[in-house]
């Protein structure tokens, strides 16, 4: 899975509100991560992404877009780990990455941080499976 198609992006306002209202959140510098796991139903398994880079931290659109491009590329390279879990358990996962840093990190750093955030999502999902409700 080496692409990032439109159906893997969260665009609808209602889905964004649902993600932030019902989702589980944590911080993994430089991101604030919010994720929501839901059963597949009649839709295919997907891992969708929402990116947010604050205008307050990066006043110029060119810098915000640069950060978003970096994160999208790192997500594209790392999402296969999340897809393995989704296919195994037939679930879909929505993930919001809110970039909180005030500097633009290098690609290598961003790659490591994105990978760490995805691994933390997987870890937190698996711990919810093990704890009885």
C-alpha atoms as a PDB file:
ATOM      1  CA  UNK A   1       0.000   0.000   0.000  1.00  0.00           C
ATOM      2  CA  UNK A   2       2.080   2.814  -1.240  1.00  0.00           C
ATOM      3  CA  UNK A   3      -0.511   5.420  -2.096  1.00  0.00           C
ATOM      4  CA  UNK A   4      -2.805   7.816  -0.247  1.00  0.00           C
ATOM      5  CA  UNK A   5      -6.174   7.871  -2.059  1.00  0.00           C
ATOM      6  CA  UNK A   6      -9.109  10.154  -1.382  1.00  0.00           C
ATOM      7  CA  UNK A   7     -11.114   7.516   0.535  1.00  0.00           C
ATOM      8  CA  UNK A   8      -8.351   7.415   3.176  1.00  0.00           C
ATOM      9  CA  UNK A   9      -8.925  11.066   4.086  1.00  0.00           C
ATOM     10  CA  UNK A  10     -11.479  12.348   6.552  1.00  0.00           C
ATOM     11  CA  UNK A  11     -13.273  15.291   4.955  1.00  0.00           C
ATOM     12  CA  UNK A  12     -16.858  15.454   6.211  1.00  0.00           C
ATOM     13  CA  UNK A  13     -17.536  17.814   9.098  1.00  0.00           C
ATOM     14  CA  UNK A  14     -19.792  15.265  10.828  1.00  0.00           C
ATOM     15  CA  UNK A  15     -17.050  12.604  10.724  1.00  0.00           C
ATOM     16  CA  UNK A  16     -14.486  15.061  12.093  1.00  0.00           C
ATOM     17  CA  UNK A  17     -16.784  16.038  14.969  1.00  0.00           C
ATOM     18  CA  UNK A  18     -17.503  12.379  15.704  1.00  0.00           C
ATOM     19  CA  UNK A  19     -13.781  11.584  15.749  1.00  0.00           C
ATOM     20  CA  UNK A  20     -12.973  14.300  18.258  1.00  0.00           C
ATOM     21  CA  UNK A  21     -16.068  13.668  20.382  1.00  0.00           C
ATOM     22  CA  UNK A  22     -15.914   9.854  20.628  1.00  0.00           C
ATOM     23  CA  UNK A  23     -12.234   9.224  19.941  1.00  0.00           C
ATOM     24  CA  UNK A  24      -9.368   8.439  22.285  1.00  0.00           C
ATOM     25  CA  UNK A  25      -6.568  10.988  22.428  1.00  0.00           C
ATOM     26  CA  UNK A  26      -2.954  11.162  23.547  1.00  0.00           C
ATOM     27  CA  UNK A  27       0.144  13.239  22.915  1.00  0.00           C
ATOM     28  CA  UNK A  28       3.160  11.952  21.053  1.00  0.00           C
ATOM     29  CA  UNK A  29       5.430  14.905  20.291  1.00  0.00           C
ATOM     30  CA  UNK A  30       5.068  16.688  17.881  1.00  0.00           C
ATOM     31  CA  UNK A  31       1.520  15.370  17.481  1.00  0.00           C
ATOM     32  CA  UNK A  32      -1.715  15.345  19.390  1.00  0.00           C
ATOM     33  CA  UNK A  33      -3.234  12.055  18.215  1.00  0.00           C
ATOM     34  CA  UNK A  34      -6.935  11.236  18.340  1.00  0.00           C
ATOM     35  CA  UNK A  35      -8.167   7.907  17.021  1.00  0.00           C
ATOM     36  CA  UNK A  36     -11.506   6.151  16.739  1.00  0.00           C
ATOM     37  CA  UNK A  37     -11.977   2.451  16.034  1.00  0.00           C
ATOM     38  CA  UNK A  38     -15.267   1.298  14.539  1.00  0.00           C
ATOM     39  CA  UNK A  39     -16.561  -1.963  13.034  1.00  0.00           C
ATOM     40  CA  UNK A  40     -16.459  -2.276   9.270  1.00  0.00           C
ATOM     41  CA  UNK A  41     -20.090  -3.138   8.519  1.00  0.00           C
ATOM     42  CA  UNK A  42     -20.652  -3.228   4.767  1.00  0.00           C
ATOM     43  CA  UNK A  43     -17.756  -0.870   3.963  1.00  0.00           C
ATOM     44  CA  UNK A  44     -14.188  -2.025   3.174  1.00  0.00           C
ATOM     45  CA  UNK A  45     -11.475  -1.873   5.846  1.00  0.00           C
ATOM     46  CA  UNK A  46      -9.871   1.581   5.902  1.00  0.00           C
ATOM     47  CA  UNK A  47      -7.416   3.586   7.960  1.00  0.00           C
ATOM     48  CA  UNK A  48      -8.341   7.207   7.406  1.00  0.00           C
ATOM     49  CA  UNK A  49      -6.297  10.272   8.289  1.00  0.00           C
ATOM     50  CA  UNK A  50      -7.096  13.847   9.255  1.00  0.00           C
ATOM     51  CA  UNK A  51      -4.246  16.360   9.344  1.00  0.00           C
ATOM     52  CA  UNK A  52      -4.253  19.652  11.167  1.00  0.00           C
ATOM     53  CA  UNK A  53      -1.486  22.238  11.205  1.00  0.00           C
ATOM     54  CA  UNK A  54      -2.311  25.391  13.126  1.00  0.00           C
ATOM     55  CA  UNK A  55      -2.277  28.799  11.500  1.00  0.00           C
ATOM     56  CA  UNK A  56      -1.317  30.115  14.935  1.00  0.00           C
ATOM     57  CA  UNK A  57       1.981  28.177  14.826  1.00  0.00           C
ATOM     58  CA  UNK A  58       2.716  28.615  11.106  1.00  0.00           C
ATOM     59  CA  UNK A  59       1.401  31.907   9.792  1.00  0.00           C
ATOM     60  CA  UNK A  60       2.404  31.269   6.178  1.00  0.00           C
ATOM     61  CA  UNK A  61       0.454  28.737   4.129  1.00  0.00           C
ATOM     62  CA  UNK A  62       3.611  27.567   2.375  1.00  0.00           C
ATOM     63  CA  UNK A  63       5.001  26.307   5.704  1.00  0.00           C
ATOM     64  CA  UNK A  64       1.705  24.686   6.753  1.00  0.00           C
ATOM     65  CA  UNK A  65       1.495  22.905   3.420  1.00  0.00           C
ATOM     66  CA  UNK A  66       5.113  21.730   3.719  1.00  0.00           C
ATOM     67  CA  UNK A  67       4.389  20.170   7.113  1.00  0.00           C
ATOM     68  CA  UNK A  68       1.231  18.509   5.782  1.00  0.00           C
ATOM     69  CA  UNK A  69       3.103  17.096   2.779  1.00  0.00           C
ATOM     70  CA  UNK A  70       5.795  15.671   5.059  1.00  0.00           C
ATOM     71  CA  UNK A  71       3.251  14.073   7.398  1.00  0.00           C
ATOM     72  CA  UNK A  72       1.201  12.631   4.504  1.00  0.00           C
ATOM     73  CA  UNK A  73       4.300  11.027   3.019  1.00  0.00           C
ATOM     74  CA  UNK A  74       5.360   9.561   6.382  1.00  0.00           C
ATOM     75  CA  UNK A  75       1.813   8.272   6.967  1.00  0.00           C
ATOM     76  CA  UNK A  76       1.774   6.690   3.512  1.00  0.00           C
ATOM     77  CA  UNK A  77       5.014   4.818   4.260  1.00  0.00           C
ATOM     78  CA  UNK A  78       3.947   3.691   7.769  1.00  0.00           C
ATOM     79  CA  UNK A  79       0.226   2.901   7.432  1.00  0.00           C
ATOM     80  CA  UNK A  80       0.763  -0.748   6.458  1.00  0.00           C
ATOM     81  CA  UNK A  81       1.282  -1.647  10.161  1.00  0.00           C
ATOM     82  CA  UNK A  82      -2.128  -0.204  10.979  1.00  0.00           C
ATOM     83  CA  UNK A  83      -3.751  -1.925   7.989  1.00  0.00           C
ATOM     84  CA  UNK A  84      -2.473  -5.309   9.218  1.00  0.00           C
ATOM     85  CA  UNK A  85      -4.359  -4.814  12.497  1.00  0.00           C
ATOM     86  CA  UNK A  86      -7.466  -3.524  10.689  1.00  0.00           C
ATOM     87  CA  UNK A  87      -7.559  -6.513   8.328  1.00  0.00           C
ATOM     88  CA  UNK A  88      -6.901  -8.972  11.152  1.00  0.00           C
ATOM     89  CA  UNK A  89      -9.783  -7.659  13.296  1.00  0.00           C
ATOM     90  CA  UNK A  90     -11.985  -6.362  10.435  1.00  0.00           C
ATOM     91  CA  UNK A  91     -12.180  -2.833  11.817  1.00  0.00           C
ATOM     92  CA  UNK A  92     -11.681   0.645  10.455  1.00  0.00           C
ATOM     93  CA  UNK A  93      -9.621   3.294  12.197  1.00  0.00           C
ATOM     94  CA  UNK A  94      -9.868   7.062  11.877  1.00  0.00           C
ATOM     95  CA  UNK A  95      -6.779   8.961  13.027  1.00  0.00           C
ATOM     96  CA  UNK A  96      -6.328  12.706  13.513  1.00  0.00           C
ATOM     97  CA  UNK A  97      -2.790  14.055  13.689  1.00  0.00           C
ATOM     98  CA  UNK A  98      -2.658  17.593  15.041  1.00  0.00           C
ATOM     99  CA  UNK A  99       0.825  19.026  14.599  1.00  0.00           C
ATOM    100  CA  UNK A 100       1.825  20.944  17.742  1.00  0.00           C
ATOM    101  CA  UNK A 101       5.497  21.809  17.147  1.00  0.00           C
ATOM    102  CA  UNK A 102       6.577  25.317  16.173  1.00  0.00           C
ATOM    103  CA  UNK A 103       9.385  24.160  13.858  1.00  0.00           C
ATOM    104  CA  UNK A 104       9.386  22.037  10.719  1.00  0.00           C
ATOM    105  CA  UNK A 105      11.230  18.817  11.475  1.00  0.00           C
ATOM    106  CA  UNK A 106      13.320  16.964   8.914  1.00  0.00           C
ATOM    107  CA  UNK A 107      11.824  14.103   6.924  1.00  0.00           C
ATOM    108  CA  UNK A 108      13.767  11.511   8.956  1.00  0.00           C
ATOM    109  CA  UNK A 109      12.562  12.931  12.272  1.00  0.00           C
ATOM    110  CA  UNK A 110       8.992  13.239  11.007  1.00  0.00           C
ATOM    111  CA  UNK A 111       9.117   9.642   9.730  1.00  0.00           C
ATOM    112  CA  UNK A 112      10.224   8.374  13.157  1.00  0.00           C
ATOM    113  CA  UNK A 113       7.626  10.452  15.010  1.00  0.00           C
ATOM    114  CA  UNK A 114       4.803   9.343  12.709  1.00  0.00           C
ATOM    115  CA  UNK A 115       5.868   5.718  13.078  1.00  0.00           C
ATOM    116  CA  UNK A 116       5.931   6.127  16.856  1.00  0.00           C
ATOM    117  CA  UNK A 117       2.424   7.660  16.828  1.00  0.00           C
ATOM    118  CA  UNK A 118       1.036   4.793  14.701  1.00  0.00           C
ATOM    119  CA  UNK A 119       2.655   2.211  16.989  1.00  0.00           C
ATOM    120  CA  UNK A 120       1.104   3.954  20.005  1.00  0.00           C
ATOM    121  CA  UNK A 121      -2.347   3.844  18.351  1.00  0.00           C
ATOM    122  CA  UNK A 122      -1.895   0.097  17.779  1.00  0.00           C
ATOM    123  CA  UNK A 123      -0.703  -0.423  21.356  1.00  0.00           C
ATOM    124  CA  UNK A 124      -3.634   1.490  22.843  1.00  0.00           C
ATOM    125  CA  UNK A 125      -6.116  -0.346  20.621  1.00  0.00           C
ATOM    126  CA  UNK A 126      -4.705  -3.726  21.685  1.00  0.00           C
ATOM    127  CA  UNK A 127      -4.857  -2.800  25.385  1.00  0.00           C
ATOM    128  CA  UNK A 128      -8.562  -1.924  25.003  1.00  0.00           C
ATOM    129  CA  UNK A 129      -9.091  -5.418  23.608  1.00  0.00           C
ATOM    130  CA  UNK A 130      -7.487  -7.003  26.671  1.00  0.00           C
ATOM    131  CA  UNK A 131      -9.290  -5.000  29.335  1.00  0.00           C
ATOM    132  CA  UNK A 132     -12.774  -6.279  30.199  1.00  0.00           C
ATOM    133  CA  UNK A 133     -15.595  -3.714  29.962  1.00  0.00           C
END
